[in-house]
């Protein structure tokens, strides 16, 4: 696997209703520009569970989308840590750049069609 630059552009935010009342507008930049030595991408139909990026020793970037809106779960295990469950039915996005240790395992559980992009350390 060759090194590749990963770029994510965008922002997520909340716009207050136009009701004249005072309200806070908050947002977060989703901008990411990093180079990682290993990556994998594709799509598949999961029937029970499917691991992502098995050939990558430390996953640092994970983007998974449920194509058909099925309720799925990401089982995410940080390097040296315990598995955590992250439910999703649209887009799940995780980023753990250094100095974070990354993820040793990411598994999609459930039944549905998914597209994914993962990157990290070879």
Protein backbone atom coordinates (compact mmCIF):
# COMPACT_ATOMS: atom_id res chain seq x y z
CA UNK A 1 0.00 0.00 0.00
CA UNK A 2 1.40 3.37 -0.99
CA UNK A 3 1.20 6.47 1.16
CA UNK A 4 -1.71 8.73 0.34
CA UNK A 5 -2.85 12.16 1.41
CA UNK A 6 -6.28 12.22 2.96
CA UNK A 7 -8.38 15.38 2.70
CA UNK A 8 -11.78 15.99 4.26
CA UNK A 9 -13.38 19.38 3.72
CA UNK A 10 -16.52 20.71 5.37
CA UNK A 11 -18.16 21.81 8.56
CA UNK A 12 -21.02 20.74 10.77
CA UNK A 13 -23.09 23.27 12.62
CA UNK A 14 -26.39 24.35 14.01
CA UNK A 15 -28.21 27.40 12.75
CA UNK A 16 -30.56 29.08 15.24
CA UNK A 17 -34.19 29.43 14.20
CA UNK A 18 -35.15 32.80 12.73
CA UNK A 19 -37.46 33.61 15.63
CA UNK A 20 -35.80 36.76 16.94
CA UNK A 21 -34.91 35.18 20.27
CA UNK A 22 -31.30 35.11 21.34
CA UNK A 23 -29.69 31.78 20.51
CA UNK A 24 -26.21 30.44 20.07
CA UNK A 25 -24.95 29.23 16.73
CA UNK A 26 -22.25 26.60 17.10
CA UNK A 27 -20.19 24.73 14.56
CA UNK A 28 -17.14 22.59 14.12
CA UNK A 29 -14.74 22.36 11.20
CA UNK A 30 -14.40 18.88 9.73
CA UNK A 31 -11.25 19.85 7.83
CA UNK A 32 -8.61 17.11 7.83
CA UNK A 33 -5.43 16.98 5.77
CA UNK A 34 -3.05 14.15 6.75
CA UNK A 35 -0.81 11.61 5.07
CA UNK A 36 -1.07 7.98 6.13
CA UNK A 37 1.01 5.03 4.96
CA UNK A 38 -1.87 2.60 4.49
CA UNK A 39 -5.43 2.90 3.29
CA UNK A 40 -8.38 0.82 2.13
CA UNK A 41 -11.74 1.74 0.64
CA UNK A 42 -14.70 0.01 -0.90
CA UNK A 43 -18.24 -1.14 -0.39
CA UNK A 44 -19.85 -4.38 0.70
CA UNK A 45 -23.03 -5.91 2.07
CA UNK A 46 -22.68 -6.96 5.68
CA UNK A 47 -24.88 -9.81 6.90
CA UNK A 48 -23.59 -10.12 10.47
CA UNK A 49 -20.14 -8.56 10.96
CA UNK A 50 -17.25 -7.42 8.78
CA UNK A 51 -13.83 -6.09 9.84
CA UNK A 52 -12.42 -2.95 8.18
CA UNK A 53 -8.76 -2.35 7.40
CA UNK A 54 -7.51 -5.67 8.76
CA UNK A 55 -4.09 -5.16 7.11
CA UNK A 56 -3.60 -1.77 8.83
CA UNK A 57 -1.86 -2.03 12.22
CA UNK A 58 -3.25 1.22 13.70
CA UNK A 59 -6.36 2.66 12.07
CA UNK A 60 -6.36 6.44 12.46
CA UNK A 61 -9.15 7.52 10.10
CA UNK A 62 -12.47 5.70 9.68
CA UNK A 63 -15.42 6.85 7.57
CA UNK A 64 -18.31 4.41 7.11
CA UNK A 65 -21.68 5.13 5.52
CA UNK A 66 -24.82 3.02 5.66
CA UNK A 67 -25.93 3.19 2.01
CA UNK A 68 -29.46 1.93 2.63
CA UNK A 69 -29.98 3.65 6.01
CA UNK A 70 -29.85 0.37 7.96
CA UNK A 71 -29.19 0.64 11.69
CA UNK A 72 -25.63 -0.68 12.11
CA UNK A 73 -22.99 -0.66 14.86
CA UNK A 74 -19.26 0.05 14.69
CA UNK A 75 -17.38 -2.03 17.24
CA UNK A 76 -14.25 0.11 17.75
CA UNK A 77 -11.26 -1.04 19.81
CA UNK A 78 -8.54 1.53 20.60
CA UNK A 79 -4.97 0.20 20.64
CA UNK A 80 -4.49 -1.16 24.17
CA UNK A 81 -8.11 -0.44 25.11
CA UNK A 82 -11.56 -1.99 25.36
CA UNK A 83 -14.11 -2.30 22.56
CA UNK A 84 -16.73 0.45 22.29
CA UNK A 85 -19.99 0.30 20.32
CA UNK A 86 -20.95 3.23 18.08
CA UNK A 87 -24.42 2.93 16.51
CA UNK A 88 -24.99 4.63 13.14
CA UNK A 89 -27.51 4.66 10.30
CA UNK A 90 -25.95 7.27 8.01
CA UNK A 91 -22.31 8.34 8.39
CA UNK A 92 -19.81 7.40 11.09
CA UNK A 93 -16.54 9.37 11.12
CA UNK A 94 -13.64 8.76 13.51
CA UNK A 95 -10.19 10.38 13.41
CA UNK A 96 -7.33 9.64 15.82
CA UNK A 97 -4.19 11.39 14.52
CA UNK A 98 -0.91 11.11 16.46
CA UNK A 99 -0.24 11.35 19.35
CA UNK A 100 -3.41 9.25 19.81
CA UNK A 101 -2.74 5.53 19.51
CA UNK A 102 -5.46 4.85 16.92
CA UNK A 103 -7.70 1.80 16.69
CA UNK A 104 -6.56 -1.83 16.56
CA UNK A 105 -9.92 -3.10 15.32
CA UNK A 106 -13.02 -1.66 13.65
CA UNK A 107 -15.88 -4.04 12.85
CA UNK A 108 -19.25 -3.22 11.23
CA UNK A 109 -22.07 -5.23 12.81
CA UNK A 110 -25.63 -5.66 11.57
CA UNK A 111 -27.17 -6.16 8.15
CA UNK A 112 -26.99 -3.63 5.32
CA UNK A 113 -24.92 -2.11 2.53
CA UNK A 114 -21.93 0.04 3.51
CA UNK A 115 -19.23 2.15 1.88
CA UNK A 116 -16.01 2.80 3.76
CA UNK A 117 -12.65 4.55 3.76
CA UNK A 118 -10.00 3.74 6.35
CA UNK A 119 -6.40 4.90 6.70
CA UNK A 120 -3.60 4.55 9.21
CA UNK A 121 -0.19 3.12 9.96
CA UNK A 122 0.94 0.09 7.90
